[in-house]
Amino acid sequence: MVPTTTQPFATIVTKDYPDDEGSQLNRPGVFRLNIATTKATFQRHTGHAPSLPAAGDPSVSDTVIAHPVYGRMAWLAVVDPGPRTGAAVQELLTAAHDRARSRYDRKG
């Protein structure tokens, strides 16, 4: 069951949006996985505290990066996850789901 009254812990984006074109999701077959994390996890993966603007190229594939728009809120992103990011993505999604589940259970 997907709760409808809470924010998502992860999203998949398949196209560019206004103010979020840097990942170039308009390329054929390209998508971006976005994952909510903690500040500590964000820093472990990016080497810096959550902030904007995010450094680096937001269109690079199979690399964990600060989310180009929501990086200041400790969201990470991966354009076209693949072999280099598979283990990290699985770890990040599991942790994000566990945090969301815990929040949901507390609200009862």
Protein backbone atom coordinates (compact mmCIF):
# COMPACT_ATOMS: atom_id res chain seq x y z
CA MET A 1 0.00 0.00 0.00
CA VAL A 2 1.41 3.38 -0.99
CA PRO A 3 0.60 6.14 1.51
CA THR A 4 -0.88 9.21 -0.18
CA THR A 5 -0.32 11.69 2.64
CA THR A 6 3.47 11.56 2.80
CA GLN A 7 6.36 12.57 0.60
CA PRO A 8 7.95 9.83 -1.52
CA PHE A 9 11.25 8.28 -0.45
CA ALA A 10 12.31 7.85 -4.08
CA THR A 11 11.10 8.88 -7.51
CA ILE A 12 11.90 8.11 -11.14
CA VAL A 13 11.90 11.01 -13.59
CA THR A 14 11.77 10.34 -17.34
CA LYS A 15 11.69 13.84 -18.80
CA ASP A 16 13.03 17.34 -18.26
CA TYR A 17 11.00 19.82 -16.23
CA PRO A 18 11.29 23.61 -16.11
CA ASP A 19 14.25 24.54 -13.88
CA ASP A 20 15.44 20.91 -14.00
CA GLU A 21 16.90 20.32 -17.45
CA GLY A 22 20.53 19.70 -16.43
CA SER A 23 20.21 15.91 -16.41
CA GLN A 24 19.15 16.03 -20.07
CA LEU A 25 16.39 13.49 -19.55
CA ASN A 26 15.03 14.30 -22.99
CA ARG A 27 17.61 11.90 -24.46
CA PRO A 28 16.10 8.60 -25.67
CA GLY A 29 15.85 5.96 -22.93
CA VAL A 30 17.37 8.16 -20.20
CA PHE A 31 15.83 8.41 -16.73
CA ARG A 32 16.91 9.61 -13.30
CA LEU A 33 16.39 7.86 -9.98
CA ASN A 34 16.01 10.30 -7.05
CA ILE A 35 16.44 9.07 -3.46
CA ALA A 36 15.80 10.86 -0.15
CA THR A 37 18.71 10.37 2.24
CA THR A 38 20.00 11.65 5.55
CA LYS A 39 22.52 14.47 5.76
CA ALA A 40 25.22 12.00 6.82
CA THR A 41 24.49 9.65 3.91
CA PHE A 42 24.40 12.55 1.49
CA GLN A 43 27.79 13.74 2.71
CA ARG A 44 29.26 10.22 2.52
CA HIS A 45 28.26 9.96 -1.15
CA THR A 46 29.05 13.50 -2.28
CA GLY A 47 31.86 14.58 0.03
CA HIS A 48 29.98 17.71 1.14
CA ALA A 49 26.97 18.78 3.15
CA PRO A 50 23.61 19.18 1.40
CA SER A 51 23.50 22.49 -0.45
CA LEU A 52 22.78 24.13 -3.76
CA PRO A 53 23.94 24.56 -6.35
CA ALA A 54 25.09 21.01 -6.83
CA ALA A 55 28.58 20.70 -8.26
CA GLY A 56 29.41 18.65 -11.32
CA ASP A 57 27.57 17.52 -14.42
CA PRO A 58 24.01 16.40 -13.56
CA SER A 59 23.74 14.47 -16.84
CA VAL A 60 26.54 11.98 -16.10
CA SER A 61 25.27 8.38 -16.16
CA ASP A 62 25.66 5.67 -13.52
CA THR A 63 27.08 8.04 -10.89
CA VAL A 64 25.61 8.99 -7.51
CA ILE A 65 25.31 12.79 -7.44
CA ALA A 66 23.59 15.47 -5.42
CA HIS A 67 20.11 15.99 -6.82
CA PRO A 68 20.35 19.03 -9.13
CA VAL A 69 17.30 20.71 -7.56
CA TYR A 70 16.71 19.01 -4.19
CA GLY A 71 20.31 18.46 -3.14
CA ARG A 72 19.89 21.00 -0.34
CA MET A 73 17.27 18.67 1.13
CA ALA A 74 19.73 15.71 1.10
CA TRP A 75 18.31 14.05 -2.02
CA LEU A 76 20.73 12.07 -4.18
CA ALA A 77 20.22 11.19 -7.83
CA VAL A 78 21.53 8.70 -10.38
CA VAL A 79 20.98 9.11 -14.12
CA ASP A 80 20.66 5.66 -15.69
CA PRO A 81 21.80 3.50 -12.74
CA GLY A 82 24.04 0.67 -13.82
CA PRO A 83 26.92 -1.56 -12.71
CA ARG A 84 28.93 1.19 -10.98
CA THR A 85 26.02 2.33 -8.82
CA GLY A 86 24.00 -0.87 -8.41
CA ALA A 87 25.12 -1.68 -4.86
CA ALA A 88 24.89 1.94 -3.70
CA VAL A 89 21.41 2.36 -5.22
CA GLN A 90 20.18 -0.79 -3.52
CA GLU A 91 21.62 0.38 -0.17
CA LEU A 92 20.18 3.88 -0.56
CA LEU A 93 16.71 2.64 -1.57
CA THR A 94 16.59 0.14 1.30
CA ALA A 95 17.57 2.80 3.83
CA ALA A 96 15.10 5.32 2.36
CA HIS A 97 12.30 2.75 2.44
CA ASP A 98 13.15 1.79 6.03
CA ARG A 99 12.99 5.45 7.13
CA ALA A 100 9.68 5.97 5.31
CA ARG A 101 8.24 2.79 6.80
CA SER A 102 9.31 3.84 10.28
CA ARG A 103 7.67 7.27 9.87
CA TYR A 104 4.49 5.63 8.56
CA ASP A 105 4.38 3.14 11.45
CA ARG A 106 4.87 5.91 14.04
CA LYS A 107 1.94 7.86 12.62
CA GLY A 108 -0.17 4.74 12.97
